[in-house]
N, C-alpha and C. Protein backbone atom coordinates (compact mmCIF):
# COMPACT_ATOMS: atom_id res chain seq x y z
N MET A 1 -25.47 150.14 245.58
CA MET A 1 -24.61 149.08 245.07
C MET A 1 -23.57 149.64 244.09
N PHE A 2 -24.02 150.51 243.20
CA PHE A 2 -23.08 151.11 242.23
C PHE A 2 -22.05 152.01 242.93
N SER A 3 -22.51 152.65 244.03
CA SER A 3 -21.59 153.49 244.77
C SER A 3 -20.48 152.65 245.40
N GLN A 4 -20.81 151.41 245.81
CA GLN A 4 -19.79 150.53 246.38
C GLN A 4 -18.75 150.15 245.32
N PHE A 5 -19.23 149.84 244.08
CA PHE A 5 -18.29 149.54 242.99
C PHE A 5 -17.38 150.74 242.70
N LYS A 6 -18.01 151.92 242.79
CA LYS A 6 -17.25 153.13 242.53
C LYS A 6 -16.17 153.32 243.59
N ASN A 7 -16.51 153.04 244.85
CA ASN A 7 -15.53 153.14 245.94
C ASN A 7 -14.41 152.12 245.77
N ILE A 8 -14.81 150.90 245.35
CA ILE A 8 -13.80 149.85 245.15
C ILE A 8 -12.87 150.24 244.00
N ASP A 9 -13.46 150.80 242.92
CA ASP A 9 -12.65 151.22 241.77
C ASP A 9 -11.69 152.34 242.16
N THR A 10 -12.20 153.28 242.96
CA THR A 10 -11.36 154.40 243.42
C THR A 10 -10.24 153.88 244.32
N ALA A 11 -10.59 152.95 245.22
CA ALA A 11 -9.59 152.39 246.12
C ALA A 11 -8.52 151.63 245.33
N PHE A 12 -8.94 150.87 244.32
CA PHE A 12 -8.00 150.12 243.49
C PHE A 12 -7.08 151.07 242.74
N SER A 13 -7.64 152.20 242.27
CA SER A 13 -6.84 153.20 241.56
C SER A 13 -5.79 153.80 242.49
N HIS A 14 -6.22 154.09 243.76
CA HIS A 14 -5.27 154.63 244.74
C HIS A 14 -4.15 153.63 245.03
N ILE A 15 -4.56 152.37 245.21
CA ILE A 15 -3.57 151.32 245.49
C ILE A 15 -2.61 151.16 244.32
N LYS A 16 -3.15 151.24 243.11
CA LYS A 16 -2.32 151.10 241.92
C LYS A 16 -1.29 152.23 241.84
N ARG A 17 -1.74 153.49 242.10
CA ARG A 17 -0.83 154.63 242.08
C ARG A 17 0.22 154.51 243.19
N PHE A 18 -0.23 154.09 244.37
CA PHE A 18 0.68 153.94 245.49
C PHE A 18 1.73 152.85 245.19
N SER A 19 1.26 151.75 244.57
CA SER A 19 2.19 150.67 244.22
C SER A 19 3.23 151.12 243.21
N LEU A 20 2.79 151.87 242.17
CA LEU A 20 3.72 152.39 241.18
C LEU A 20 4.74 153.34 241.82
N PHE A 21 4.24 154.21 242.72
CA PHE A 21 5.13 155.14 243.41
C PHE A 21 6.15 154.37 244.26
N LEU A 22 5.66 153.32 244.94
CA LEU A 22 6.54 152.51 245.78
C LEU A 22 7.60 151.79 244.95
N ILE A 23 7.18 151.27 243.79
CA ILE A 23 8.14 150.58 242.91
C ILE A 23 9.20 151.54 242.40
N VAL A 24 8.76 152.73 241.94
CA VAL A 24 9.72 153.73 241.46
C VAL A 24 10.68 154.14 242.57
N ALA A 25 10.13 154.34 243.78
CA ALA A 25 10.97 154.72 244.92
C ALA A 25 11.98 153.62 245.25
N CYS A 26 11.55 152.37 245.20
CA CYS A 26 12.46 151.25 245.46
C CYS A 26 13.56 151.17 244.42
N VAL A 27 13.21 151.39 243.14
CA VAL A 27 14.20 151.36 242.07
C VAL A 27 15.23 152.47 242.26
N LEU A 28 14.74 153.68 242.62
CA LEU A 28 15.65 154.80 242.83
C LEU A 28 16.58 154.56 244.02
N VAL A 29 16.02 154.08 245.12
CA VAL A 29 16.83 153.80 246.31
C VAL A 29 17.84 152.71 246.02
N SER A 30 17.41 151.66 245.31
CA SER A 30 18.33 150.57 244.97
C SER A 30 19.46 151.05 244.06
N GLY A 31 19.10 151.86 243.05
CA GLY A 31 20.11 152.41 242.16
C GLY A 31 21.11 153.28 242.89
N PHE A 32 20.61 154.12 243.81
CA PHE A 32 21.49 154.99 244.59
C PHE A 32 22.41 154.16 245.48
N ALA A 33 21.84 153.10 246.09
CA ALA A 33 22.63 152.23 246.97
C ALA A 33 23.73 151.51 246.19
N ILE A 34 23.40 151.04 244.97
CA ILE A 34 24.40 150.37 244.13
C ILE A 34 25.50 151.34 243.72
N TYR A 35 25.10 152.56 243.34
CA TYR A 35 26.08 153.58 242.94
C TYR A 35 27.04 153.90 244.09
N LYS A 36 26.48 154.12 245.29
CA LYS A 36 27.32 154.44 246.45
C LYS A 36 28.21 153.27 246.83
N SER A 37 27.70 152.06 246.64
CA SER A 37 28.51 150.87 246.96
C SER A 37 29.73 150.79 246.05
N PHE A 38 29.51 150.99 244.74
CA PHE A 38 30.63 150.98 243.80
C PHE A 38 31.63 152.09 244.12
N ALA A 39 31.09 153.28 244.47
CA ALA A 39 31.97 154.39 244.81
C ALA A 39 32.80 154.07 246.05
N MET A 40 32.17 153.43 247.03
CA MET A 40 32.87 153.08 248.26
C MET A 40 33.93 152.01 248.00
N VAL A 41 33.57 151.01 247.17
CA VAL A 41 34.54 149.95 246.85
C VAL A 41 35.74 150.54 246.12
N THR A 42 35.49 151.47 245.19
CA THR A 42 36.59 152.12 244.46
C THR A 42 37.48 152.91 245.41
N GLU A 43 36.86 153.62 246.36
CA GLU A 43 37.63 154.41 247.32
C GLU A 43 38.46 153.51 248.23
N ILE A 44 37.86 152.42 248.69
CA ILE A 44 38.57 151.49 249.58
C ILE A 44 39.72 150.81 248.85
N ALA A 45 39.51 150.52 247.54
CA ALA A 45 40.56 149.86 246.76
C ALA A 45 41.81 150.73 246.65
N GLY A 46 41.64 152.05 246.81
CA GLY A 46 42.78 152.95 246.74
C GLY A 46 43.49 153.14 248.06
N LYS A 47 43.07 152.42 249.08
CA LYS A 47 43.68 152.56 250.40
C LYS A 47 44.38 151.27 250.81
N VAL A 48 45.49 151.46 251.47
CA VAL A 48 46.25 150.32 251.98
C VAL A 48 46.55 150.62 253.45
N TYR A 49 46.40 149.60 254.28
CA TYR A 49 46.70 149.79 255.69
C TYR A 49 47.98 149.01 256.03
N ILE A 50 48.91 149.72 256.65
CA ILE A 50 50.20 149.13 257.00
C ILE A 50 50.27 149.02 258.51
N LEU A 51 50.66 147.85 258.99
CA LEU A 51 50.80 147.64 260.42
C LEU A 51 52.25 147.92 260.81
N ALA A 52 52.45 148.94 261.65
CA ALA A 52 53.79 149.32 262.09
C ALA A 52 53.77 149.55 263.59
N ASN A 53 54.58 148.77 264.29
CA ASN A 53 54.68 148.89 265.74
C ASN A 53 53.31 148.79 266.43
N GLY A 54 52.49 147.88 265.93
CA GLY A 54 51.19 147.65 266.55
C GLY A 54 50.14 148.67 266.18
N LYS A 55 50.44 149.60 265.26
CA LYS A 55 49.48 150.62 264.85
C LYS A 55 49.17 150.47 263.37
N ALA A 56 47.89 150.63 263.04
CA ALA A 56 47.48 150.56 261.64
C ALA A 56 47.58 151.94 261.03
N LEU A 57 48.43 152.07 260.02
CA LEU A 57 48.62 153.34 259.33
C LEU A 57 48.01 153.25 257.94
N GLU A 58 47.29 154.29 257.57
CA GLU A 58 46.63 154.29 256.26
C GLU A 58 47.56 154.84 255.19
N ALA A 59 47.67 154.11 254.10
CA ALA A 59 48.47 154.56 252.96
C ALA A 59 47.56 154.61 251.73
N PHE A 60 47.92 155.40 250.77
CA PHE A 60 47.10 155.57 249.58
C PHE A 60 47.89 155.14 248.35
N SER A 61 47.26 154.36 247.50
CA SER A 61 47.91 153.97 246.25
C SER A 61 47.66 155.06 245.21
N ALA A 62 48.63 155.26 244.34
CA ALA A 62 48.51 156.28 243.31
C ALA A 62 49.38 155.89 242.13
N GLU A 63 49.04 156.44 240.98
CA GLU A 63 49.87 156.23 239.80
C GLU A 63 51.21 156.95 239.99
N ARG A 64 52.27 156.38 239.42
CA ARG A 64 53.59 156.99 239.60
C ARG A 64 53.63 158.41 239.04
N LYS A 65 52.90 158.64 237.95
CA LYS A 65 52.94 159.95 237.33
C LYS A 65 52.38 161.02 238.25
N ASP A 66 51.51 160.63 239.22
CA ASP A 66 50.94 161.60 240.15
C ASP A 66 51.99 162.14 241.11
N ASN A 67 53.01 161.35 241.41
CA ASN A 67 54.02 161.74 242.39
C ASN A 67 55.42 161.81 241.82
N ILE A 68 55.55 161.82 240.51
CA ILE A 68 56.87 161.72 239.91
C ILE A 68 57.76 162.90 240.27
N GLY A 69 57.18 164.10 240.34
CA GLY A 69 57.98 165.27 240.71
C GLY A 69 58.52 165.16 242.13
N VAL A 70 57.66 164.70 243.04
CA VAL A 70 58.08 164.54 244.44
C VAL A 70 59.17 163.48 244.55
N GLU A 71 58.99 162.36 243.84
CA GLU A 71 59.97 161.28 243.91
C GLU A 71 61.32 161.70 243.31
N ILE A 72 61.28 162.42 242.20
CA ILE A 72 62.53 162.86 241.57
C ILE A 72 63.27 163.82 242.49
N ARG A 73 62.56 164.78 243.07
CA ARG A 73 63.22 165.74 243.96
C ARG A 73 63.86 165.02 245.15
N ASP A 74 63.15 164.06 245.71
CA ASP A 74 63.72 163.34 246.84
C ASP A 74 64.92 162.49 246.42
N HIS A 75 64.84 161.92 245.23
CA HIS A 75 65.97 161.13 244.70
C HIS A 75 67.21 162.01 244.55
N VAL A 76 67.02 163.18 243.94
CA VAL A 76 68.13 164.10 243.74
C VAL A 76 68.69 164.58 245.08
N LYS A 77 67.80 164.89 246.02
CA LYS A 77 68.26 165.35 247.34
C LYS A 77 69.05 164.26 248.05
N MET A 78 68.56 163.03 247.99
CA MET A 78 69.26 161.94 248.68
C MET A 78 70.63 161.67 248.03
N PHE A 79 70.70 161.74 246.71
CA PHE A 79 72.00 161.55 246.04
C PHE A 79 73.00 162.60 246.52
N HIS A 80 72.58 163.86 246.53
CA HIS A 80 73.49 164.92 246.95
C HIS A 80 73.83 164.81 248.43
N TYR A 81 72.86 164.38 249.22
CA TYR A 81 73.14 164.21 250.65
C TYR A 81 74.24 163.17 250.84
N TRP A 82 74.11 162.00 250.21
CA TRP A 82 75.11 160.95 250.41
C TRP A 82 76.45 161.32 249.78
N PHE A 83 76.43 161.99 248.63
CA PHE A 83 77.69 162.31 247.94
C PHE A 83 78.48 163.39 248.67
N PHE A 84 77.78 164.34 249.30
CA PHE A 84 78.46 165.50 249.88
C PHE A 84 78.45 165.53 251.41
N SER A 85 77.79 164.58 252.07
CA SER A 85 77.82 164.53 253.54
C SER A 85 78.96 163.62 253.96
N LEU A 86 80.06 164.22 254.39
CA LEU A 86 81.28 163.46 254.66
C LEU A 86 81.88 163.86 256.00
N ASP A 87 82.50 162.91 256.64
CA ASP A 87 83.23 163.14 257.88
C ASP A 87 84.66 162.64 257.69
N PRO A 88 85.58 163.10 258.55
CA PRO A 88 86.98 162.67 258.40
C PRO A 88 87.19 161.23 258.86
N ASP A 89 86.56 160.32 258.15
CA ASP A 89 86.65 158.90 258.48
C ASP A 89 86.52 158.12 257.17
N GLU A 90 87.48 157.29 256.86
CA GLU A 90 87.47 156.55 255.59
C GLU A 90 86.22 155.70 255.42
N LYS A 91 85.80 155.04 256.49
CA LYS A 91 84.63 154.16 256.40
C LYS A 91 83.35 154.94 256.15
N VAL A 92 83.23 156.10 256.80
CA VAL A 92 82.04 156.95 256.58
C VAL A 92 82.01 157.44 255.14
N ILE A 93 83.17 157.89 254.65
CA ILE A 93 83.25 158.37 253.27
C ILE A 93 82.90 157.25 252.29
N ALA A 94 83.48 156.07 252.49
CA ALA A 94 83.23 154.94 251.58
C ALA A 94 81.76 154.54 251.61
N ARG A 95 81.16 154.52 252.80
CA ARG A 95 79.75 154.13 252.90
C ARG A 95 78.84 155.14 252.21
N ASN A 96 79.05 156.44 252.49
CA ASN A 96 78.19 157.47 251.90
C ASN A 96 78.34 157.55 250.39
N ILE A 97 79.57 157.48 249.91
CA ILE A 97 79.79 157.51 248.46
C ILE A 97 79.17 156.28 247.80
N GLY A 98 79.29 155.13 248.46
CA GLY A 98 78.68 153.91 247.92
C GLY A 98 77.18 154.03 247.79
N LEU A 99 76.53 154.63 248.80
CA LEU A 99 75.08 154.83 248.74
C LEU A 99 74.71 155.81 247.63
N ALA A 100 75.54 156.85 247.46
CA ALA A 100 75.27 157.83 246.40
C ALA A 100 75.42 157.22 245.02
N LEU A 101 76.44 156.39 244.84
CA LEU A 101 76.69 155.81 243.51
C LEU A 101 75.63 154.80 243.10
N ASN A 102 74.85 154.29 244.05
CA ASN A 102 73.71 153.44 243.71
C ASN A 102 72.61 154.23 243.00
N LEU A 103 72.64 155.55 243.13
CA LEU A 103 71.57 156.39 242.59
C LEU A 103 71.96 157.10 241.30
N ALA A 104 73.18 156.85 240.81
CA ALA A 104 73.66 157.56 239.62
C ALA A 104 74.50 156.64 238.75
N ASP A 105 74.80 157.11 237.54
CA ASP A 105 75.58 156.30 236.60
C ASP A 105 77.07 156.63 236.72
N GLU A 106 77.83 156.29 235.67
CA GLU A 106 79.29 156.45 235.73
C GLU A 106 79.74 157.90 235.80
N SER A 107 78.86 158.86 235.46
CA SER A 107 79.26 160.27 235.56
C SER A 107 79.56 160.66 237.00
N ALA A 108 78.78 160.13 237.95
CA ALA A 108 79.07 160.40 239.37
C ALA A 108 80.33 159.67 239.81
N LYS A 109 80.52 158.45 239.29
CA LYS A 109 81.74 157.69 239.63
C LYS A 109 82.98 158.41 239.12
N LYS A 110 82.90 159.02 237.94
CA LYS A 110 84.04 159.77 237.40
C LYS A 110 84.35 160.98 238.28
N SER A 111 83.30 161.66 238.75
CA SER A 111 83.52 162.81 239.64
C SER A 111 84.18 162.37 240.93
N TYR A 112 83.73 161.24 241.46
CA TYR A 112 84.33 160.70 242.69
C TYR A 112 85.81 160.33 242.45
N ASP A 113 86.07 159.66 241.34
CA ASP A 113 87.45 159.27 241.03
C ASP A 113 88.36 160.48 240.86
N ASN A 114 87.84 161.54 240.21
CA ASN A 114 88.63 162.75 240.03
C ASN A 114 88.97 163.40 241.37
N LEU A 115 87.96 163.49 242.26
CA LEU A 115 88.20 164.07 243.58
C LEU A 115 89.19 163.22 244.38
N LYS A 116 89.08 161.91 244.22
CA LYS A 116 89.98 161.01 244.94
C LYS A 116 91.41 161.17 244.45
N GLU A 117 91.59 161.28 243.13
CA GLU A 117 92.93 161.45 242.57
C GLU A 117 93.54 162.79 242.98
N GLN A 118 92.71 163.80 243.15
CA GLN A 118 93.19 165.12 243.56
C GLN A 118 93.49 165.18 245.06
N GLY A 119 93.21 164.08 245.78
CA GLY A 119 93.49 164.04 247.21
C GLY A 119 92.46 164.75 248.07
N TYR A 120 91.27 164.95 247.51
CA TYR A 120 90.23 165.70 248.24
C TYR A 120 89.83 164.98 249.53
N TYR A 121 89.58 163.69 249.44
CA TYR A 121 89.12 162.93 250.62
C TYR A 121 90.26 162.75 251.62
N THR A 122 91.48 162.61 251.13
CA THR A 122 92.64 162.52 252.02
C THR A 122 92.80 163.81 252.82
N ASN A 123 92.56 164.95 252.16
CA ASN A 123 92.66 166.25 252.85
C ASN A 123 91.58 166.39 253.92
N LEU A 124 90.37 165.90 253.61
CA LEU A 124 89.30 165.96 254.61
C LEU A 124 89.71 165.20 255.87
N ILE A 125 90.29 164.03 255.66
CA ILE A 125 90.66 163.18 256.80
C ILE A 125 91.84 163.79 257.57
N SER A 126 92.86 164.23 256.85
CA SER A 126 94.06 164.75 257.51
C SER A 126 93.79 166.06 258.24
N ALA A 127 92.88 166.88 257.72
CA ALA A 127 92.58 168.17 258.34
C ALA A 127 91.37 168.09 259.27
N ASN A 128 90.80 166.89 259.45
CA ASN A 128 89.62 166.70 260.32
C ASN A 128 88.47 167.64 259.93
N ILE A 129 88.14 167.60 258.66
CA ILE A 129 87.07 168.46 258.13
C ILE A 129 85.82 167.62 257.91
N SER A 130 84.70 168.12 258.39
CA SER A 130 83.40 167.52 258.10
C SER A 130 82.71 168.36 257.03
N GLN A 131 81.98 167.69 256.17
CA GLN A 131 81.30 168.39 255.08
C GLN A 131 79.81 168.10 255.16
N GLU A 132 79.00 169.15 255.10
CA GLU A 132 77.54 169.03 255.13
C GLU A 132 76.96 169.73 253.92
N ILE A 133 75.75 169.34 253.55
CA ILE A 133 75.08 169.97 252.41
C ILE A 133 73.61 170.20 252.73
N THR A 134 73.10 171.33 252.26
CA THR A 134 71.68 171.65 252.37
C THR A 134 71.17 171.96 250.97
N VAL A 135 70.22 171.17 250.50
CA VAL A 135 69.64 171.39 249.17
C VAL A 135 68.55 172.44 249.30
N ASP A 136 68.73 173.55 248.61
CA ASP A 136 67.75 174.63 248.67
C ASP A 136 66.56 174.37 247.75
N SER A 137 66.84 173.94 246.53
CA SER A 137 65.75 173.68 245.58
C SER A 137 66.24 172.78 244.46
N VAL A 138 65.28 172.13 243.80
CA VAL A 138 65.57 171.28 242.65
C VAL A 138 64.60 171.66 241.54
N GLN A 139 65.13 172.16 240.43
CA GLN A 139 64.30 172.51 239.28
C GLN A 139 64.18 171.30 238.35
N LEU A 140 62.97 171.05 237.86
CA LEU A 140 62.72 169.88 237.02
C LEU A 140 62.10 170.29 235.70
N ASP A 141 62.40 169.51 234.69
CA ASP A 141 61.72 169.62 233.39
C ASP A 141 61.14 168.25 233.08
N LEU A 142 59.84 168.10 233.33
CA LEU A 142 59.18 166.81 233.15
C LEU A 142 58.54 166.66 231.77
N ASP A 143 58.74 167.65 230.90
CA ASP A 143 58.12 167.61 229.58
C ASP A 143 58.84 166.65 228.64
N GLU A 144 60.12 166.42 228.89
CA GLU A 144 60.90 165.53 228.02
C GLU A 144 61.57 164.45 228.85
N TYR A 145 61.73 163.28 228.24
CA TYR A 145 62.39 162.15 228.91
C TYR A 145 63.70 161.85 228.19
N PRO A 146 64.81 161.61 228.88
CA PRO A 146 64.96 161.59 230.34
C PRO A 146 64.76 162.97 230.95
N TYR A 147 64.32 162.98 232.21
CA TYR A 147 63.94 164.22 232.89
C TYR A 147 65.20 165.00 233.29
N ARG A 148 65.19 166.28 232.98
CA ARG A 148 66.34 167.12 233.32
C ARG A 148 66.12 167.78 234.68
N PHE A 149 67.20 167.94 235.44
CA PHE A 149 67.11 168.62 236.72
C PHE A 149 68.29 169.55 236.91
N LYS A 150 68.09 170.55 237.76
CA LYS A 150 69.17 171.42 238.22
C LYS A 150 69.00 171.59 239.72
N CYS A 151 70.07 171.32 240.45
CA CYS A 151 70.03 171.32 241.91
C CYS A 151 70.82 172.51 242.45
N PHE A 152 70.19 173.27 243.35
CA PHE A 152 70.83 174.41 244.00
C PHE A 152 71.01 174.07 245.48
N ALA A 153 72.26 174.15 245.95
CA ALA A 153 72.53 173.73 247.32
C ALA A 153 73.64 174.59 247.93
N ARG A 154 73.81 174.41 249.25
CA ARG A 154 74.88 175.07 249.99
C ARG A 154 75.70 174.03 250.74
N GLN A 155 77.02 174.14 250.64
CA GLN A 155 77.91 173.24 251.35
C GLN A 155 78.51 173.96 252.56
N ARG A 156 78.79 173.20 253.59
CA ARG A 156 79.51 173.74 254.75
C ARG A 156 80.70 172.83 255.04
N LEU A 157 81.89 173.41 255.05
CA LEU A 157 83.10 172.69 255.41
C LEU A 157 83.47 173.12 256.82
N ILE A 158 83.33 172.18 257.75
CA ILE A 158 83.47 172.50 259.17
C ILE A 158 84.83 172.04 259.67
N ARG A 159 85.63 173.01 260.08
CA ARG A 159 86.91 172.73 260.73
C ARG A 159 86.78 173.05 262.22
N SER A 160 87.78 172.66 262.98
CA SER A 160 87.76 172.95 264.41
C SER A 160 87.87 174.45 264.67
N SER A 161 88.49 175.17 263.74
CA SER A 161 88.73 176.61 263.93
C SER A 161 87.77 177.50 263.14
N SER A 162 87.16 176.97 262.08
CA SER A 162 86.30 177.82 261.24
C SER A 162 85.33 176.97 260.44
N THR A 163 84.37 177.67 259.82
CA THR A 163 83.39 177.02 258.94
C THR A 163 83.34 177.78 257.63
N LEU A 164 83.50 177.07 256.53
CA LEU A 164 83.48 177.67 255.20
C LEU A 164 82.19 177.26 254.50
N SER A 165 81.51 178.25 253.91
CA SER A 165 80.28 177.98 253.16
C SER A 165 80.54 178.12 251.67
N ARG A 166 79.95 177.21 250.90
CA ARG A 166 80.11 177.23 249.45
C ARG A 166 78.75 177.10 248.79
N LYS A 167 78.62 177.73 247.64
CA LYS A 167 77.41 177.61 246.84
C LYS A 167 77.64 176.54 245.78
N LEU A 168 76.69 175.63 245.65
CA LEU A 168 76.84 174.50 244.73
C LEU A 168 75.64 174.42 243.79
N VAL A 169 75.90 174.30 242.50
CA VAL A 169 74.85 174.09 241.51
C VAL A 169 75.27 172.91 240.64
N THR A 170 74.41 171.91 240.55
CA THR A 170 74.69 170.76 239.69
C THR A 170 73.51 170.53 238.77
N GLN A 171 73.73 169.75 237.72
CA GLN A 171 72.65 169.42 236.82
C GLN A 171 72.87 168.03 236.23
N GLY A 172 71.80 167.49 235.67
CA GLY A 172 71.88 166.16 235.07
C GLY A 172 70.52 165.73 234.58
N TYR A 173 70.41 164.45 234.28
CA TYR A 173 69.18 163.87 233.78
C TYR A 173 68.84 162.62 234.59
N LEU A 174 67.56 162.24 234.56
CA LEU A 174 67.14 161.03 235.26
C LEU A 174 66.36 160.13 234.32
N ARG A 175 66.64 158.83 234.40
CA ARG A 175 65.86 157.86 233.66
C ARG A 175 65.31 156.81 234.62
N ASN A 176 64.27 156.15 234.19
CA ASN A 176 63.62 155.14 235.02
C ASN A 176 64.44 153.84 235.03
N VAL A 177 64.55 153.25 236.22
CA VAL A 177 65.14 151.93 236.38
C VAL A 177 64.27 151.17 237.38
N ALA A 178 64.59 149.89 237.57
CA ALA A 178 63.82 149.08 238.52
C ALA A 178 64.08 149.57 239.95
N ARG A 179 63.04 149.53 240.75
CA ARG A 179 63.18 149.88 242.17
C ARG A 179 63.88 148.75 242.90
N SER A 180 64.63 149.14 243.94
CA SER A 180 65.31 148.15 244.77
C SER A 180 65.54 148.77 246.13
N ASP A 181 66.08 147.97 247.06
CA ASP A 181 66.41 148.50 248.38
C ASP A 181 67.46 149.59 248.29
N ASN A 182 68.38 149.46 247.33
CA ASN A 182 69.43 150.46 247.15
C ASN A 182 68.96 151.68 246.37
N ASN A 183 67.86 151.53 245.63
CA ASN A 183 67.33 152.62 244.81
C ASN A 183 65.80 152.60 244.90
N PRO A 184 65.25 153.06 246.03
CA PRO A 184 63.80 152.91 246.25
C PRO A 184 62.92 153.72 245.31
N HIS A 185 63.44 154.83 244.76
CA HIS A 185 62.61 155.64 243.86
C HIS A 185 62.61 155.13 242.43
N GLY A 186 63.57 154.29 242.08
CA GLY A 186 63.59 153.74 240.73
C GLY A 186 64.02 154.73 239.66
N PHE A 187 64.96 155.62 240.00
CA PHE A 187 65.54 156.56 239.03
C PHE A 187 67.05 156.40 239.04
N LEU A 188 67.67 156.77 237.94
CA LEU A 188 69.13 156.77 237.86
C LEU A 188 69.58 158.11 237.29
N ILE A 189 70.43 158.81 238.05
CA ILE A 189 70.97 160.08 237.58
C ILE A 189 72.06 159.80 236.55
N GLN A 190 71.98 160.51 235.44
CA GLN A 190 73.00 160.35 234.40
C GLN A 190 73.44 161.71 233.89
N ARG A 191 74.64 161.72 233.29
CA ARG A 191 75.26 162.96 232.78
C ARG A 191 75.29 164.04 233.86
N TRP A 192 75.64 163.63 235.07
CA TRP A 192 75.68 164.56 236.21
C TRP A 192 76.96 165.38 236.16
N GLU A 193 76.83 166.67 236.40
CA GLU A 193 77.99 167.56 236.38
C GLU A 193 77.78 168.73 237.33
N THR A 194 78.90 169.26 237.81
CA THR A 194 78.86 170.43 238.68
C THR A 194 78.97 171.67 237.81
N VAL A 195 77.98 172.55 237.91
CA VAL A 195 77.94 173.76 237.11
C VAL A 195 78.65 174.90 237.84
N PHE A 196 78.49 174.95 239.16
CA PHE A 196 79.02 176.07 239.93
C PHE A 196 79.34 175.58 241.33
N ASN A 197 80.53 175.90 241.83
CA ASN A 197 80.92 175.52 243.19
C ASN A 197 81.98 176.49 243.68
N GLU A 198 81.52 177.53 244.38
CA GLU A 198 82.42 178.58 244.83
C GLU A 198 82.11 178.98 246.26
N ASP A 199 83.12 179.54 246.91
CA ASP A 199 82.96 180.00 248.29
C ASP A 199 81.95 181.15 248.35
N ILE A 200 81.19 181.18 249.44
CA ILE A 200 80.31 182.32 249.70
C ILE A 200 81.09 183.29 250.55
N LEU A 201 81.38 184.47 249.97
CA LEU A 201 82.19 185.45 250.68
C LEU A 201 81.33 186.18 251.70
N LYS A 202 81.85 186.25 252.90
CA LYS A 202 81.11 186.96 253.97
C LYS A 202 81.29 188.47 253.78
N PRO A 203 80.19 189.23 253.99
CA PRO A 203 80.31 190.69 253.82
C PRO A 203 81.17 191.33 254.90
């Protein structure tokens, strides 16, 4: 009879240990599941899906400071592209210059006015010259605001008989403005000036 009580006591002790182990295991599994759920929700919150032409494209949200260098470089490149990509057509010139001036302040407008007064655009049209630009690099100083930049580029003046290459270096500053369709990056170039613009002599 006493041996039966002893067996029952031993069995109860085993069940008690097993129950405690099961409870601890359940708490650990539940905690891990909650942690992973929060991690997954946080990860999903950083993703955006865009529907384009019937296809779902994944986009990622990020703080502006994470991509500010990329955005500034693209802003500077687009400004120079619109300002210096010209064809011998008044409407093309007016359209491209208008797009460029949306990205900069009155310093760019003054440069445009000076070139216009000097007959630069009239010469392009009369001589049937197309102008292209390739931006090689954009140096940035993001330690101080407004952000300073220096742009290194090459120009090509294409005539029917020849092509002239020029080296172009410009510099200026950028400040934050509201984003819009005309200014998607939300920057405005200010105090823009040409530092160097000379023909590249062929050897």
